[in-house]
Amino acid sequence: MLLSAIRDKTSLEVMYQGVARVICPWRLGWKTTEKSGPHKNLLCYQIGGYSASGLKPHGSMENFRCWNLDEIRSALPVSTPWYFPQTWPKEPSTCIDDVIAEAGS
């Protein structure tokens, strides 16, 4: 589901850490850390649902999230349009070392 959502730019409702969130998935790939070893991460842009830090206005870079894929329990397509932020981060993301899939602009 995630690969096709990234490729087709489809918004998803996911259960992440037990709560529903609406995201635009951007990038999926491998990350290796000393604590967790190699694991898959998802870089996404959150547009709805629960957020402990609160969501900023659409277009804000602060709505990007980096999540461990193991913590996502479900993913269903939603009719919310896929959102493209106004700008892309100037610095490369540290979320993913080796990209599996990435949405084109």
PDB file of N, CA and C in Angstrom:
ATOM      1  N   MET A   1       0.823  -1.193   0.000  1.00  0.00           N
ATOM      2  CA  MET A   1       0.000   0.000   0.000  1.00  0.00           C
ATOM      3  C   MET A   1       0.871   1.262   0.000  1.00  0.00           C
ATOM      4  N   LEU A   2       1.911   1.295   0.821  1.00  0.00           N
ATOM      5  CA  LEU A   2       2.746   2.494   0.901  1.00  0.00           C
ATOM      6  C   LEU A   2       3.465   2.799  -0.410  1.00  0.00           C
ATOM      7  N   LEU A   3       3.985   1.770  -1.041  1.00  0.00           N
ATOM      8  CA  LEU A   3       4.701   1.994  -2.307  1.00  0.00           C
ATOM      9  C   LEU A   3       3.791   2.591  -3.371  1.00  0.00           C
ATOM     10  N   SER A   4       2.590   2.050  -3.493  1.00  0.00           N
ATOM     11  CA  SER A   4       1.675   2.582  -4.503  1.00  0.00           C
ATOM     12  C   SER A   4       1.188   3.980  -4.113  1.00  0.00           C
ATOM     13  N   ALA A   5       1.005   4.246  -2.823  1.00  0.00           N
ATOM     14  CA  ALA A   5       0.585   5.576  -2.384  1.00  0.00           C
ATOM     15  C   ALA A   5       1.666   6.616  -2.678  1.00  0.00           C
ATOM     16  N   ILE A   6       2.925   6.241  -2.502  1.00  0.00           N
ATOM     17  CA  ILE A   6       4.026   7.158  -2.833  1.00  0.00           C
ATOM     18  C   ILE A   6       4.058   7.390  -4.340  1.00  0.00           C
ATOM     19  N   ARG A   7       4.009   6.320  -5.096  1.00  0.00           N
ATOM     20  CA  ARG A   7       4.078   6.420  -6.559  1.00  0.00           C
ATOM     21  C   ARG A   7       2.903   7.220  -7.131  1.00  0.00           C
ATOM     22  N   ASP A   8       1.694   6.947  -6.615  1.00  0.00           N
ATOM     23  CA  ASP A   8       0.487   7.570  -7.150  1.00  0.00           C
ATOM     24  C   ASP A   8       0.092   8.869  -6.443  1.00  0.00           C
ATOM     25  N   LYS A   9       0.877   9.258  -5.440  1.00  0.00           N
ATOM     26  CA  LYS A   9       0.596  10.455  -4.638  1.00  0.00           C
ATOM     27  C   LYS A   9      -0.819  10.401  -4.066  1.00  0.00           C
ATOM     28  N   THR A  10      -1.051   9.354  -3.276  1.00  0.00           N
ATOM     29  CA  THR A  10      -2.334   9.123  -2.627  1.00  0.00           C
ATOM     30  C   THR A  10      -2.196   9.385  -1.130  1.00  0.00           C
ATOM     31  N   SER A  11      -3.097  10.182  -0.581  1.00  0.00           N
ATOM     32  CA  SER A  11      -3.108  10.422   0.860  1.00  0.00           C
ATOM     33  C   SER A  11      -3.613   9.170   1.565  1.00  0.00           C
ATOM     34  N   LEU A  12      -3.127   8.963   2.794  1.00  0.00           N
ATOM     35  CA  LEU A  12      -3.487   7.780   3.565  1.00  0.00           C
ATOM     36  C   LEU A  12      -3.920   8.155   4.974  1.00  0.00           C
ATOM     37  N   GLU A  13      -4.845   7.367   5.507  1.00  0.00           N
ATOM     38  CA  GLU A  13      -5.097   7.419   6.943  1.00  0.00           C
ATOM     39  C   GLU A  13      -4.352   6.237   7.530  1.00  0.00           C
ATOM     40  N   VAL A  14      -3.460   6.522   8.464  1.00  0.00           N
ATOM     41  CA  VAL A  14      -2.660   5.471   9.087  1.00  0.00           C
ATOM     42  C   VAL A  14      -2.921   5.445  10.581  1.00  0.00           C
ATOM     43  N   MET A  15      -2.725   4.276  11.165  1.00  0.00           N
ATOM     44  CA  MET A  15      -2.710   4.153  12.623  1.00  0.00           C
ATOM     45  C   MET A  15      -1.241   4.115  13.013  1.00  0.00           C
ATOM     46  N   TYR A  16      -0.789   5.173  13.654  1.00  0.00           N
ATOM     47  CA  TYR A  16       0.605   5.282  14.072  1.00  0.00           C
ATOM     48  C   TYR A  16       0.618   5.500  15.580  1.00  0.00           C
ATOM     49  N   GLN A  17       1.302   4.639  16.282  1.00  0.00           N
ATOM     50  CA  GLN A  17       1.363   4.668  17.744  1.00  0.00           C
ATOM     51  C   GLN A  17      -0.038   4.691  18.344  1.00  0.00           C
ATOM     52  N   GLY A  18      -0.954   3.952  17.713  1.00  0.00           N
ATOM     53  CA  GLY A  18      -2.293   3.752  18.254  1.00  0.00           C
ATOM     54  C   GLY A  18      -3.317   4.830  17.955  1.00  0.00           C
ATOM     55  N   VAL A  19      -2.958   5.856  17.185  1.00  0.00           N
ATOM     56  CA  VAL A  19      -3.926   6.908  16.861  1.00  0.00           C
ATOM     57  C   VAL A  19      -3.945   7.184  15.365  1.00  0.00           C
ATOM     58  N   ALA A  20      -5.104   7.637  14.882  1.00  0.00           N
ATOM     59  CA  ALA A  20      -5.274   7.886  13.450  1.00  0.00           C
ATOM     60  C   ALA A  20      -4.640   9.216  13.062  1.00  0.00           C
ATOM     61  N   ARG A  21      -3.973   9.189  11.904  1.00  0.00           N
ATOM     62  CA  ARG A  21      -3.353  10.380  11.347  1.00  0.00           C
ATOM     63  C   ARG A  21      -3.524  10.332   9.832  1.00  0.00           C
ATOM     64  N   VAL A  22      -3.635  11.474   9.196  1.00  0.00           N
ATOM     65  CA  VAL A  22      -3.756  11.547   7.737  1.00  0.00           C
ATOM     66  C   VAL A  22      -2.441  12.115   7.204  1.00  0.00           C
ATOM     67  N   ILE A  23      -1.862  11.395   6.254  1.00  0.00           N
ATOM     68  CA  ILE A  23      -0.535  11.760   5.754  1.00  0.00           C
ATOM     69  C   ILE A  23      -0.466  11.712   4.233  1.00  0.00           C
ATOM     70  N   CYS A  24       0.529  12.401   3.726  1.00  0.00           N
ATOM     71  CA  CYS A  24       0.953  12.274   2.333  1.00  0.00           C
ATOM     72  C   CYS A  24       2.333  11.629   2.397  1.00  0.00           C
ATOM     73  N   PRO A  25       2.444  10.352   2.020  1.00  0.00           N
ATOM     74  CA  PRO A  25       3.739   9.683   2.108  1.00  0.00           C
ATOM     75  C   PRO A  25       4.700  10.201   1.038  1.00  0.00           C
ATOM     76  N   TRP A  26       5.921  10.529   1.428  1.00  0.00           N
ATOM     77  CA  TRP A  26       6.900  11.104   0.506  1.00  0.00           C
ATOM     78  C   TRP A  26       8.021  10.160   0.149  1.00  0.00           C
ATOM     79  N   ARG A  27       8.560   9.489   1.169  1.00  0.00           N
ATOM     80  CA  ARG A  27       9.761   8.681   0.930  1.00  0.00           C
ATOM     81  C   ARG A  27       9.756   7.495   1.883  1.00  0.00           C
ATOM     82  N   LEU A  28      10.136   6.336   1.364  1.00  0.00           N
ATOM     83  CA  LEU A  28      10.270   5.116   2.154  1.00  0.00           C
ATOM     84  C   LEU A  28      11.681   4.602   1.956  1.00  0.00           C
ATOM     85  N   GLY A  29      12.305   4.163   3.040  1.00  0.00           N
ATOM     86  CA  GLY A  29      13.654   3.647   2.875  1.00  0.00           C
ATOM     87  C   GLY A  29      14.240   3.097   4.163  1.00  0.00           C
ATOM     88  N   TRP A  30      15.497   2.712   4.068  1.00  0.00           N
ATOM     89  CA  TRP A  30      16.220   2.106   5.181  1.00  0.00           C
ATOM     90  C   TRP A  30      16.997   3.149   5.962  1.00  0.00           C
ATOM     91  N   LYS A  31      17.001   2.976   7.275  1.00  0.00           N
ATOM     92  CA  LYS A  31      17.802   3.795   8.175  1.00  0.00           C
ATOM     93  C   LYS A  31      18.511   2.854   9.145  1.00  0.00           C
ATOM     94  N   THR A  32      19.777   3.105   9.406  1.00  0.00           N
ATOM     95  CA  THR A  32      20.520   2.309  10.372  1.00  0.00           C
ATOM     96  C   THR A  32      20.969   3.216  11.508  1.00  0.00           C
ATOM     97  N   THR A  33      20.634   2.812  12.719  1.00  0.00           N
ATOM     98  CA  THR A  33      21.060   3.540  13.911  1.00  0.00           C
ATOM     99  C   THR A  33      21.707   2.577  14.886  1.00  0.00           C
ATOM    100  N   GLU A  34      22.521   3.095  15.787  1.00  0.00           N
ATOM    101  CA  GLU A  34      23.148   2.233  16.791  1.00  0.00           C
ATOM    102  C   GLU A  34      22.098   1.578  17.677  1.00  0.00           C
ATOM    103  N   LYS A  35      21.079   2.337  18.044  1.00  0.00           N
ATOM    104  CA  LYS A  35      20.046   1.843  18.957  1.00  0.00           C
ATOM    105  C   LYS A  35      19.154   0.780  18.313  1.00  0.00           C
ATOM    106  N   SER A  36      18.677   1.051  17.094  1.00  0.00           N
ATOM    107  CA  SER A  36      17.682   0.177  16.454  1.00  0.00           C
ATOM    108  C   SER A  36      18.251  -0.718  15.360  1.00  0.00           C
ATOM    109  N   GLY A  37      19.475  -0.486  14.933  1.00  0.00           N
ATOM    110  CA  GLY A  37      20.018  -1.238  13.807  1.00  0.00           C
ATOM    111  C   GLY A  37      19.304  -0.835  12.532  1.00  0.00           C
ATOM    112  N   PRO A  38      19.350  -1.694  11.487  1.00  0.00           N
ATOM    113  CA  PRO A  38      18.660  -1.350  10.236  1.00  0.00           C
ATOM    114  C   PRO A  38      17.142  -1.518  10.375  1.00  0.00           C
ATOM    115  N   HIS A  39      16.401  -0.538   9.907  1.00  0.00           N
ATOM    116  CA  HIS A  39      14.943  -0.584   9.924  1.00  0.00           C
ATOM    117  C   HIS A  39      14.415   0.340   8.830  1.00  0.00           C
ATOM    118  N   LYS A  40      13.138   0.146   8.484  1.00  0.00           N
ATOM    119  CA  LYS A  40      12.522   0.986   7.465  1.00  0.00           C
ATOM    120  C   LYS A  40      11.859   2.193   8.121  1.00  0.00           C
ATOM    121  N   ASN A  41      12.066   3.355   7.510  1.00  0.00           N
ATOM    122  CA  ASN A  41      11.425   4.593   7.944  1.00  0.00           C
ATOM    123  C   ASN A  41      10.558   5.135   6.823  1.00  0.00           C
ATOM    124  N   LEU A  42       9.550   5.903   7.226  1.00  0.00           N
ATOM    125  CA  LEU A  42       8.683   6.598   6.289  1.00  0.00           C
ATOM    126  C   LEU A  42       8.789   8.092   6.563  1.00  0.00           C
ATOM    127  N   LEU A  43       9.150   8.856   5.548  1.00  0.00           N
ATOM    128  CA  LEU A  43       9.105  10.316   5.627  1.00  0.00           C
ATOM    129  C   LEU A  43       7.777  10.723   5.013  1.00  0.00           C
ATOM    130  N   CYS A  44       6.957  11.418   5.804  1.00  0.00           N
ATOM    131  CA  CYS A  44       5.630  11.790   5.325  1.00  0.00           C
ATOM    132  C   CYS A  44       5.310  13.217   5.741  1.00  0.00           C
ATOM    133  N   TYR A  45       4.281  13.753   5.119  1.00  0.00           N
ATOM    134  CA  TYR A  45       3.785  15.082   5.447  1.00  0.00           C
ATOM    135  C   TYR A  45       2.416  14.898   6.081  1.00  0.00           C
ATOM    136  N   GLN A  46       2.283  15.245   7.367  1.00  0.00           N
ATOM    137  CA  GLN A  46       1.022  15.027   8.063  1.00  0.00           C
ATOM    138  C   GLN A  46       0.072  16.181   7.810  1.00  0.00           C
ATOM    139  N   ILE A  47      -1.158  15.831   7.379  1.00  0.00           N
ATOM    140  CA  ILE A  47      -2.149  16.858   7.052  1.00  0.00           C
ATOM    141  C   ILE A  47      -3.400  16.783   7.916  1.00  0.00           C
ATOM    142  N   GLY A  48      -3.499  15.755   8.760  1.00  0.00           N
ATOM    143  CA  GLY A  48      -4.681  15.640   9.607  1.00  0.00           C
ATOM    144  C   GLY A  48      -4.512  14.581  10.670  1.00  0.00           C
ATOM    145  N   GLY A  49      -5.530  14.494  11.516  1.00  0.00           N
ATOM    146  CA  GLY A  49      -5.492  13.514  12.584  1.00  0.00           C
ATOM    147  C   GLY A  49      -4.712  14.015  13.787  1.00  0.00           C
ATOM    148  N   TYR A  50      -4.429  13.102  14.695  1.00  0.00           N
ATOM    149  CA  TYR A  50      -3.754  13.444  15.947  1.00  0.00           C
ATOM    150  C   TYR A  50      -2.297  13.837  15.723  1.00  0.00           C
ATOM    151  N   SER A  51      -1.851  14.828  16.462  1.00  0.00           N
ATOM    152  CA  SER A  51      -0.448  15.210  16.493  1.00  0.00           C
ATOM    153  C   SER A  51      -0.137  15.739  17.886  1.00  0.00           C
ATOM    154  N   ALA A  52       0.777  15.090  18.595  1.00  0.00           N
ATOM    155  CA  ALA A  52       1.127  15.525  19.950  1.00  0.00           C
ATOM    156  C   ALA A  52       1.667  16.951  19.955  1.00  0.00           C
ATOM    157  N   SER A  53       2.382  17.326  18.899  1.00  0.00           N
ATOM    158  CA  SER A  53       2.967  18.668  18.827  1.00  0.00           C
ATOM    159  C   SER A  53       2.037  19.666  18.143  1.00  0.00           C
ATOM    160  N   GLY A  54       0.904  19.190  17.648  1.00  0.00           N
ATOM    161  CA  GLY A  54      -0.019  20.054  16.920  1.00  0.00           C
ATOM    162  C   GLY A  54       0.427  20.234  15.478  1.00  0.00           C
ATOM    163  N   LEU A  55      -0.529  20.392  14.591  1.00  0.00           N
ATOM    164  CA  LEU A  55      -0.203  20.613  13.186  1.00  0.00           C
ATOM    165  C   LEU A  55      -0.102  22.103  12.917  1.00  0.00           C
ATOM    166  N   LYS A  56       0.864  22.453  12.116  1.00  0.00           N
ATOM    167  CA  LYS A  56       1.049  23.837  11.694  1.00  0.00           C
ATOM    168  C   LYS A  56       0.230  24.066  10.424  1.00  0.00           C
ATOM    169  N   PRO A  57       0.116  25.303   9.940  1.00  0.00           N
ATOM    170  CA  PRO A  57      -0.643  25.558   8.709  1.00  0.00           C
ATOM    171  C   PRO A  57      -0.075  24.746   7.535  1.00  0.00           C
ATOM    172  N   HIS A  58      -0.959  24.397   6.594  1.00  0.00           N
ATOM    173  CA  HIS A  58      -0.501  23.688   5.392  1.00  0.00           C
ATOM    174  C   HIS A  58       0.640  24.466   4.751  1.00  0.00           C
ATOM    175  N   GLY A  59       1.660  23.735   4.355  1.00  0.00           N
ATOM    176  CA  GLY A  59       2.826  24.348   3.740  1.00  0.00           C
ATOM    177  C   GLY A  59       3.996  24.459   4.694  1.00  0.00           C
ATOM    178  N   SER A  60       3.734  24.306   5.989  1.00  0.00           N
ATOM    179  CA  SER A  60       4.802  24.417   6.974  1.00  0.00           C
ATOM    180  C   SER A  60       5.709  23.193   6.933  1.00  0.00           C
ATOM    181  N   MET A  61       7.013  23.423   6.997  1.00  0.00           N
ATOM    182  CA  MET A  61       7.972  22.320   7.013  1.00  0.00           C
ATOM    183  C   MET A  61       7.866  21.514   8.311  1.00  0.00           C
ATOM    184  N   GLU A  62       7.256  22.096   9.346  1.00  0.00           N
ATOM    185  CA  GLU A  62       7.133  21.424  10.639  1.00  0.00           C
ATOM    186  C   GLU A  62       6.125  20.281  10.619  1.00  0.00           C
ATOM    187  N   ASN A  63       5.394  20.110   9.523  1.00  0.00           N
ATOM    188  CA  ASN A  63       4.438  19.001   9.422  1.00  0.00           C
ATOM    189  C   ASN A  63       5.066  17.736   8.835  1.00  0.00           C
ATOM    190  N   PHE A  64       6.345  17.799   8.456  1.00  0.00           N
ATOM    191  CA  PHE A  64       7.022  16.578   8.023  1.00  0.00           C
ATOM    192  C   PHE A  64       7.259  15.687   9.229  1.00  0.00           C
ATOM    193  N   ARG A  65       7.090  14.386   9.037  1.00  0.00           N
ATOM    194  CA  ARG A  65       7.305  13.403  10.096  1.00  0.00           C
ATOM    195  C   ARG A  65       8.200  12.292   9.576  1.00  0.00           C
ATOM    196  N   CYS A  66       9.017  11.762  10.459  1.00  0.00           N
ATOM    197  CA  CYS A  66       9.854  10.603  10.161  1.00  0.00           C
ATOM    198  C   CYS A  66       9.449   9.509  11.124  1.00  0.00           C
ATOM    199  N   TRP A  67       8.837   8.453  10.597  1.00  0.00           N
ATOM    200  CA  TRP A  67       8.298   7.394  11.446  1.00  0.00           C
ATOM    201  C   TRP A  67       8.915   6.050  11.105  1.00  0.00           C
ATOM    202  N   ASN A  68       9.149   5.269  12.150  1.00  0.00           N
ATOM    203  CA  ASN A  68       9.584   3.884  11.987  1.00  0.00           C
ATOM    204  C   ASN A  68       8.397   3.098  11.432  1.00  0.00           C
ATOM    205  N   LEU A  69       8.593   2.417  10.341  1.00  0.00           N
ATOM    206  CA  LEU A  69       7.509   1.695   9.680  1.00  0.00           C
ATOM    207  C   LEU A  69       6.876   0.643  10.588  1.00  0.00           C
ATOM    208  N   ASP A  70       7.644   0.080  11.508  1.00  0.00           N
ATOM    209  CA  ASP A  70       7.110  -0.930  12.428  1.00  0.00           C
ATOM    210  C   ASP A  70       6.008  -0.383  13.333  1.00  0.00           C
ATOM    211  N   GLU A  71       5.921   0.928  13.478  1.00  0.00           N
ATOM    212  CA  GLU A  71       4.918   1.530  14.357  1.00  0.00           C
ATOM    213  C   GLU A  71       3.634   1.909  13.617  1.00  0.00           C
ATOM    214  N   ILE A  72       3.581   1.657  12.316  1.00  0.00           N
ATOM    215  CA  ILE A  72       2.366   1.903  11.536  1.00  0.00           C
ATOM    216  C   ILE A  72       1.596   0.594  11.448  1.00  0.00           C
ATOM    217  N   ARG A  73       0.372   0.585  11.977  1.00  0.00           N
ATOM    218  CA  ARG A  73      -0.428  -0.641  12.040  1.00  0.00           C
ATOM    219  C   ARG A  73      -1.379  -0.824  10.874  1.00  0.00           C
ATOM    220  N   SER A  74      -1.799   0.247  10.235  1.00  0.00           N
ATOM    221  CA  SER A  74      -2.699   0.121   9.077  1.00  0.00           C
ATOM    222  C   SER A  74      -2.532   1.362   8.210  1.00  0.00           C
ATOM    223  N   ALA A  75      -2.908   1.222   6.958  1.00  0.00           N
ATOM    224  CA  ALA A  75      -2.843   2.336   6.009  1.00  0.00           C
ATOM    225  C   ALA A  75      -3.959   2.168   4.994  1.00  0.00           C
ATOM    226  N   LEU A  76      -4.854   3.141   4.944  1.00  0.00           N
ATOM    227  CA  LEU A  76      -5.970   3.098   4.006  1.00  0.00           C
ATOM    228  C   LEU A  76      -6.011   4.389   3.192  1.00  0.00           C
ATOM    229  N   PRO A  77      -6.265   4.282   1.885  1.00  0.00           N
ATOM    230  CA  PRO A  77      -6.358   5.498   1.070  1.00  0.00           C
ATOM    231  C   PRO A  77      -7.563   6.340   1.482  1.00  0.00           C
ATOM    232  N   VAL A  78      -7.392   7.655   1.417  1.00  0.00           N
ATOM    233  CA  VAL A  78      -8.484   8.586   1.717  1.00  0.00           C
ATOM    234  C   VAL A  78      -8.630   9.559   0.545  1.00  0.00           C
ATOM    235  N   SER A  79      -9.772  10.225   0.485  1.00  0.00           N
ATOM    236  CA  SER A  79     -10.046  11.112  -0.650  1.00  0.00           C
ATOM    237  C   SER A  79      -9.400  12.491  -0.499  1.00  0.00           C
ATOM    238  N   THR A  80      -8.754  12.750   0.609  1.00  0.00           N
ATOM    239  CA  THR A  80      -8.068  14.025   0.808  1.00  0.00           C
ATOM    240  C   THR A  80      -6.974  14.174  -0.251  1.00  0.00           C
ATOM    241  N   PRO A  81      -6.896  15.321  -0.919  1.00  0.00           N
ATOM    242  CA  PRO A  81      -5.852  15.486  -1.931  1.00  0.00           C
ATOM    243  C   PRO A  81      -4.446  15.343  -1.341  1.00  0.00           C
ATOM    244  N   TRP A  82      -3.552  14.776  -2.135  1.00  0.00           N
ATOM    245  CA  TRP A  82      -2.138  14.653  -1.750  1.00  0.00           C
ATOM    246  C   TRP A  82      -1.567  16.055  -1.721  1.00  0.00           C
ATOM    247  N   TYR A  83      -0.864  16.379  -0.659  1.00  0.00           N
ATOM    248  CA  TYR A  83      -0.431  17.749  -0.458  1.00  0.00           C
ATOM    249  C   TYR A  83       1.061  17.907  -0.718  1.00  0.00           C
ATOM    250  N   PHE A  84       1.418  18.961  -1.401  1.00  0.00           N
ATOM    251  CA  PHE A  84       2.806  19.284  -1.707  1.00  0.00           C
ATOM    252  C   PHE A  84       3.150  20.577  -0.978  1.00  0.00           C
ATOM    253  N   PRO A  85       4.064  20.547   0.004  1.00  0.00           N
ATOM    254  CA  PRO A  85       4.409  21.770   0.734  1.00  0.00           C
ATOM    255  C   PRO A  85       4.969  22.853  -0.181  1.00  0.00           C
ATOM    256  N   GLN A  86       4.938  24.068   0.315  1.00  0.00           N
ATOM    257  CA  GLN A  86       5.375  25.214  -0.479  1.00  0.00           C
ATOM    258  C   GLN A  86       6.866  25.168  -0.785  1.00  0.00           C
ATOM    259  N   THR A  87       7.650  24.660   0.143  1.00  0.00           N
ATOM    260  CA  THR A  87       9.095  24.569  -0.065  1.00  0.00           C
ATOM    261  C   THR A  87       9.584  23.215   0.435  1.00  0.00           C
ATOM    262  N   TRP A  88      10.750  22.833  -0.016  1.00  0.00           N
ATOM    263  CA  TRP A  88      11.381  21.593   0.409  1.00  0.00           C
ATOM    264  C   TRP A  88      12.513  21.963   1.359  1.00  0.00           C
ATOM    265  N   PRO A  89      12.815  21.126   2.358  1.00  0.00           N
ATOM    266  CA  PRO A  89      13.885  21.468   3.298  1.00  0.00           C
ATOM    267  C   PRO A  89      15.207  21.745   2.578  1.00  0.00           C
ATOM    268  N   LYS A  90      15.927  22.735   3.067  1.00  0.00           N
ATOM    269  CA  LYS A  90      17.221  23.079   2.484  1.00  0.00           C
ATOM    270  C   LYS A  90      18.267  21.996   2.771  1.00  0.00           C
ATOM    271  N   GLU A  91      18.187  21.403   3.948  1.00  0.00           N
ATOM    272  CA  GLU A  91      19.119  20.347   4.343  1.00  0.00           C
ATOM    273  C   GLU A  91      18.518  18.990   3.992  1.00  0.00           C
ATOM    274  N   PRO A  92      19.358  18.043   3.586  1.00  0.00           N
ATOM    275  CA  PRO A  92      18.834  16.708   3.309  1.00  0.00           C
ATOM    276  C   PRO A  92      18.269  16.069   4.579  1.00  0.00           C
ATOM    277  N   SER A  93      17.255  15.270   4.412  1.00  0.00           N
ATOM    278  CA  SER A  93      16.634  14.591   5.539  1.00  0.00           C
ATOM    279  C   SER A  93      17.574  13.532   6.108  1.00  0.00           C
ATOM    280  N   THR A  94      17.588  13.408   7.420  1.00  0.00           N
ATOM    281  CA  THR A  94      18.359  12.353   8.072  1.00  0.00           C
ATOM    282  C   THR A  94      17.466  11.152   8.380  1.00  0.00           C
ATOM    283  N   CYS A  95      16.247  11.186   7.922  1.00  0.00           N
ATOM    284  CA  CYS A  95      15.268  10.134   8.188  1.00  0.00           C
ATOM    285  C   CYS A  95      15.641   8.820   7.507  1.00  0.00           C
ATOM    286  N   ILE A  96      16.205   8.897   6.310  1.00  0.00           N
ATOM    287  CA  ILE A  96      16.433   7.705   5.490  1.00  0.00           C
ATOM    288  C   ILE A  96      17.831   7.751   4.888  1.00  0.00           C
ATOM    289  N   ASP A  97      18.525   6.624   4.986  1.00  0.00           N
ATOM    290  CA  ASP A  97      19.859   6.509   4.372  1.00  0.00           C
ATOM    291  C   ASP A  97      19.779   5.988   2.946  1.00  0.00           C
ATOM    292  N   ASP A  98      18.979   4.947   2.734  1.00  0.00           N
ATOM    293  CA  ASP A  98      18.860   4.300   1.430  1.00  0.00           C
ATOM    294  C   ASP A  98      17.399   4.305   0.999  1.00  0.00           C
ATOM    295  N   VAL A  99      17.086   5.059  -0.050  1.00  0.00           N
ATOM    296  CA  VAL A  99      15.711   5.253  -0.510  1.00  0.00           C
ATOM    297  C   VAL A  99      15.217   4.023  -1.276  1.00  0.00           C
ATOM    298  N   ILE A 100      14.013   3.579  -0.932  1.00  0.00           N
ATOM    299  CA  ILE A 100      13.321   2.509  -1.658  1.00  0.00           C
ATOM    300  C   ILE A 100      12.361   3.126  -2.673  1.00  0.00           C
ATOM    301  N   ALA A 101      11.607   4.153  -2.227  1.00  0.00           N
ATOM    302  CA  ALA A 101      10.637   4.828  -3.093  1.00  0.00           C
ATOM    303  C   ALA A 101      10.530   6.279  -2.672  1.00  0.00           C
ATOM    304  N   GLU A 102      10.291   7.142  -3.670  1.00  0.00           N
ATOM    305  CA  GLU A 102      10.172   8.577  -3.385  1.00  0.00           C
ATOM    306  C   GLU A 102       9.192   9.195  -4.369  1.00  0.00           C
ATOM    307  N   ALA A 103       8.347  10.080  -3.844  1.00  0.00           N
ATOM    308  CA  ALA A 103       7.403  10.787  -4.694  1.00  0.00           C
ATOM    309  C   ALA A 103       8.126  11.872  -5.463  1.00  0.00           C
ATOM    310  N   GLY A 104       7.867  11.961  -6.749  1.00  0.00           N
ATOM    311  CA  GLY A 104       8.439  13.042  -7.546  1.00  0.00           C
ATOM    312  C   GLY A 104       7.658  14.311  -7.310  1.00  0.00           C
ATOM    313  N   SER A 105       8.264  15.428  -7.582  1.00  0.00           N
ATOM    314  CA  SER A 105       7.573  16.709  -7.360  1.00  0.00           C
ATOM    315  C   SER A 105       6.675  17.065  -8.511  1.00  0.00           C
TER     316      SER A 105
END
